[in-house]
């Protein structure tokens, strides 16, 4: 029973981790990043800084949960 609950939680955390990573903006956002790359280095990146910080923290929390759940599933599988 506990193994099944941990597996379900692991799948949910895995899907959430994939979604959060895909929502993050890259270092250079395609063509617009190539064009304005010099300006961002000169003036700093101001837009959407708050959401990037939230997504970054969510990624760390979900990654830690992923590893803990993976170890727990492996332990309780025996």
N, C-alpha and C. Protein backbone atom coordinates (compact mmCIF):
# COMPACT_ATOMS: atom_id res chain seq x y z
N UNK A 1 0.82 -1.19 0.00
CA UNK A 1 0.00 0.00 0.00
C UNK A 1 0.87 1.27 0.00
N UNK A 2 1.86 1.28 0.90
CA UNK A 2 2.76 2.44 0.97
C UNK A 2 3.56 2.59 -0.32
N UNK A 3 3.97 1.47 -0.90
CA UNK A 3 4.73 1.50 -2.15
C UNK A 3 3.90 2.14 -3.27
N UNK A 4 2.62 1.82 -3.33
CA UNK A 4 1.74 2.39 -4.37
C UNK A 4 1.57 3.89 -4.18
N UNK A 5 1.39 4.33 -2.94
CA UNK A 5 1.24 5.76 -2.66
C UNK A 5 2.51 6.51 -3.04
N UNK A 6 3.67 5.94 -2.69
CA UNK A 6 4.93 6.59 -3.04
C UNK A 6 5.13 6.65 -4.55
N UNK A 7 4.73 5.60 -5.26
CA UNK A 7 4.84 5.61 -6.72
C UNK A 7 3.95 6.68 -7.34
N UNK A 8 2.74 6.82 -6.84
CA UNK A 8 1.82 7.85 -7.36
C UNK A 8 2.40 9.24 -7.09
N UNK A 9 2.92 9.46 -5.89
CA UNK A 9 3.55 10.75 -5.57
C UNK A 9 4.77 11.01 -6.46
N UNK A 10 5.53 9.96 -6.73
CA UNK A 10 6.71 10.10 -7.59
C UNK A 10 6.31 10.51 -9.01
N UNK A 11 5.25 9.92 -9.53
CA UNK A 11 4.79 10.29 -10.88
C UNK A 11 4.30 11.74 -10.90
N UNK A 12 3.56 12.15 -9.87
CA UNK A 12 3.06 13.53 -9.82
C UNK A 12 4.22 14.52 -9.73
N UNK A 13 5.19 14.23 -8.87
CA UNK A 13 6.35 15.12 -8.72
C UNK A 13 7.17 15.15 -10.01
N UNK A 14 7.29 14.02 -10.69
CA UNK A 14 8.05 13.97 -11.95
C UNK A 14 7.39 14.84 -13.02
N UNK A 15 6.07 14.74 -13.14
CA UNK A 15 5.36 15.56 -14.13
C UNK A 15 5.45 17.04 -13.78
N UNK A 16 5.33 17.36 -12.49
CA UNK A 16 5.45 18.76 -12.06
C UNK A 16 6.85 19.30 -12.33
N UNK A 17 7.87 18.48 -12.08
CA UNK A 17 9.25 18.90 -12.33
C UNK A 17 9.49 19.17 -13.81
N UNK A 18 8.98 18.31 -14.66
CA UNK A 18 9.12 18.51 -16.10
C UNK A 18 8.42 19.80 -16.52
N UNK A 19 7.22 20.04 -16.00
CA UNK A 19 6.47 21.24 -16.36
C UNK A 19 7.18 22.51 -15.90
N UNK A 20 7.72 22.50 -14.69
CA UNK A 20 8.41 23.69 -14.16
C UNK A 20 9.68 23.97 -14.95
N UNK A 21 10.41 22.94 -15.31
CA UNK A 21 11.64 23.14 -16.10
C UNK A 21 11.29 23.70 -17.48
N UNK A 22 10.23 23.20 -18.08
CA UNK A 22 9.84 23.71 -19.40
C UNK A 22 9.30 25.13 -19.36
N UNK A 23 8.75 25.56 -18.23
CA UNK A 23 8.23 26.92 -18.11
C UNK A 23 9.32 27.96 -17.92
N UNK A 24 10.49 27.54 -17.51
CA UNK A 24 11.57 28.50 -17.28
C UNK A 24 12.09 29.06 -18.59
N UNK A 25 12.48 30.32 -18.54
CA UNK A 25 13.06 30.93 -19.73
C UNK A 25 14.54 30.57 -19.80
N UNK A 26 15.03 30.40 -21.02
CA UNK A 26 16.42 30.03 -21.20
C UNK A 26 17.35 31.22 -21.06
N UNK A 27 18.64 30.96 -21.18
CA UNK A 27 19.63 32.05 -21.09
C UNK A 27 19.46 33.04 -22.23
N UNK A 28 19.27 32.53 -23.42
CA UNK A 28 18.96 33.41 -24.56
C UNK A 28 17.67 32.89 -25.18
N UNK A 29 16.68 33.72 -25.20
CA UNK A 29 15.35 33.30 -25.64
C UNK A 29 15.25 33.36 -27.16
N UNK A 30 15.95 32.47 -27.84
CA UNK A 30 15.86 32.39 -29.29
C UNK A 30 16.43 33.61 -29.99
N UNK A 31 15.76 34.04 -31.05
CA UNK A 31 16.22 35.17 -31.85
C UNK A 31 16.17 36.47 -31.07
N UNK A 32 15.14 36.65 -30.24
CA UNK A 32 15.05 37.88 -29.47
C UNK A 32 16.20 37.99 -28.47
N UNK A 33 16.67 36.85 -27.96
CA UNK A 33 17.81 36.86 -27.06
C UNK A 33 19.10 37.21 -27.78
N UNK A 34 19.21 36.79 -29.04
CA UNK A 34 20.40 37.10 -29.82
C UNK A 34 20.45 38.59 -30.17
N UNK A 35 19.29 39.17 -30.43
CA UNK A 35 19.24 40.58 -30.81
C UNK A 35 19.47 41.48 -29.60
N UNK A 36 18.80 41.16 -28.48
CA UNK A 36 18.90 42.05 -27.32
C UNK A 36 19.90 41.54 -26.29
N UNK A 37 20.70 40.58 -26.64
CA UNK A 37 21.65 40.00 -25.69
C UNK A 37 22.63 41.00 -25.13
N UNK A 38 23.13 41.90 -25.98
CA UNK A 38 24.06 42.92 -25.51
C UNK A 38 23.40 43.90 -24.57
N UNK A 39 22.17 44.27 -24.86
CA UNK A 39 21.45 45.20 -24.00
C UNK A 39 21.16 44.58 -22.64
N UNK A 40 20.85 43.28 -22.61
CA UNK A 40 20.59 42.63 -21.33
C UNK A 40 21.85 42.57 -20.48
N UNK A 41 23.00 42.38 -21.12
CA UNK A 41 24.24 42.34 -20.36
C UNK A 41 24.59 43.73 -19.83
N UNK A 42 24.24 44.77 -20.61
CA UNK A 42 24.57 46.14 -20.21
C UNK A 42 23.63 46.64 -19.12
N UNK A 43 22.34 46.44 -19.31
CA UNK A 43 21.35 47.01 -18.40
C UNK A 43 20.80 45.99 -17.40
N UNK A 44 21.04 44.73 -17.60
CA UNK A 44 20.50 43.70 -16.72
C UNK A 44 19.12 43.28 -17.18
N UNK A 45 18.77 42.09 -16.86
CA UNK A 45 17.47 41.56 -17.27
C UNK A 45 16.44 41.96 -16.23
N UNK A 46 15.49 42.79 -16.58
CA UNK A 46 14.51 43.31 -15.63
C UNK A 46 13.17 42.60 -15.72
N UNK A 47 12.78 42.14 -16.90
CA UNK A 47 11.44 41.61 -17.07
C UNK A 47 11.31 40.20 -16.50
N UNK A 48 10.20 39.94 -15.86
CA UNK A 48 9.82 38.62 -15.36
C UNK A 48 10.86 38.03 -14.40
N UNK A 49 11.51 38.86 -13.64
CA UNK A 49 12.51 38.36 -12.70
C UNK A 49 11.84 37.61 -11.55
N UNK A 50 10.68 38.08 -11.12
CA UNK A 50 10.00 37.45 -10.00
C UNK A 50 9.54 36.04 -10.31
N UNK A 51 8.95 35.85 -11.48
CA UNK A 51 8.46 34.52 -11.84
C UNK A 51 9.62 33.56 -12.09
N UNK A 52 10.72 34.06 -12.61
CA UNK A 52 11.90 33.21 -12.80
C UNK A 52 12.45 32.73 -11.46
N UNK A 53 12.42 33.60 -10.47
CA UNK A 53 12.91 33.23 -9.14
C UNK A 53 11.99 32.17 -8.51
N UNK A 54 10.68 32.35 -8.66
CA UNK A 54 9.73 31.38 -8.12
C UNK A 54 9.90 30.02 -8.81
N UNK A 55 10.04 30.03 -10.14
CA UNK A 55 10.23 28.78 -10.88
C UNK A 55 11.54 28.10 -10.50
N UNK A 56 12.57 28.89 -10.26
CA UNK A 56 13.87 28.34 -9.86
C UNK A 56 13.76 27.64 -8.51
N UNK A 57 13.08 28.28 -7.56
CA UNK A 57 12.92 27.69 -6.23
C UNK A 57 12.03 26.45 -6.29
N UNK A 58 10.99 26.49 -7.12
CA UNK A 58 10.13 25.33 -7.27
C UNK A 58 10.89 24.16 -7.87
N UNK A 59 11.80 24.45 -8.79
CA UNK A 59 12.62 23.40 -9.39
C UNK A 59 13.50 22.73 -8.35
N UNK A 60 14.09 23.51 -7.47
CA UNK A 60 14.94 22.95 -6.42
C UNK A 60 14.12 22.07 -5.48
N UNK A 61 12.96 22.56 -5.05
CA UNK A 61 12.12 21.80 -4.12
C UNK A 61 11.65 20.50 -4.77
N UNK A 62 11.19 20.58 -6.02
CA UNK A 62 10.70 19.39 -6.71
C UNK A 62 11.82 18.39 -6.97
N UNK A 63 13.02 18.88 -7.26
CA UNK A 63 14.15 17.98 -7.49
C UNK A 63 14.52 17.23 -6.21
N UNK A 64 14.52 17.93 -5.09
CA UNK A 64 14.81 17.28 -3.81
C UNK A 64 13.74 16.24 -3.49
N UNK A 65 12.46 16.60 -3.70
CA UNK A 65 11.37 15.65 -3.49
C UNK A 65 11.50 14.44 -4.40
N UNK A 66 11.89 14.68 -5.64
CA UNK A 66 12.07 13.59 -6.59
C UNK A 66 13.10 12.59 -6.09
N UNK A 67 14.25 13.07 -5.63
CA UNK A 67 15.29 12.17 -5.16
C UNK A 67 14.88 11.44 -3.89
N UNK A 68 14.22 12.14 -2.97
CA UNK A 68 13.77 11.50 -1.74
C UNK A 68 12.74 10.41 -2.05
N UNK A 69 11.78 10.72 -2.92
CA UNK A 69 10.76 9.73 -3.27
C UNK A 69 11.35 8.55 -4.03
N UNK A 70 12.33 8.81 -4.88
CA UNK A 70 12.98 7.72 -5.62
C UNK A 70 13.69 6.76 -4.67
N UNK A 71 14.40 7.31 -3.70
CA UNK A 71 15.09 6.47 -2.72
C UNK A 71 14.08 5.72 -1.88
N UNK A 72 12.98 6.38 -1.49
CA UNK A 72 11.97 5.72 -0.67
C UNK A 72 11.28 4.58 -1.43
N UNK A 73 10.99 4.80 -2.72
CA UNK A 73 10.38 3.74 -3.52
C UNK A 73 11.32 2.56 -3.66
N UNK A 74 12.58 2.83 -3.87
CA UNK A 74 13.56 1.74 -3.99
C UNK A 74 13.71 0.99 -2.66
N UNK A 75 13.65 1.71 -1.55
CA UNK A 75 13.79 1.08 -0.24
C UNK A 75 12.59 0.21 0.10
N UNK A 76 11.39 0.72 -0.15
CA UNK A 76 10.17 -0.02 0.20
C UNK A 76 9.79 -1.07 -0.83
N UNK A 77 10.50 -1.12 -1.94
CA UNK A 77 10.22 -2.14 -2.94
C UNK A 77 10.69 -3.51 -2.46
N UNK A 78 11.69 -3.53 -1.63
CA UNK A 78 12.26 -4.80 -1.14
C UNK A 78 11.36 -5.56 -0.23
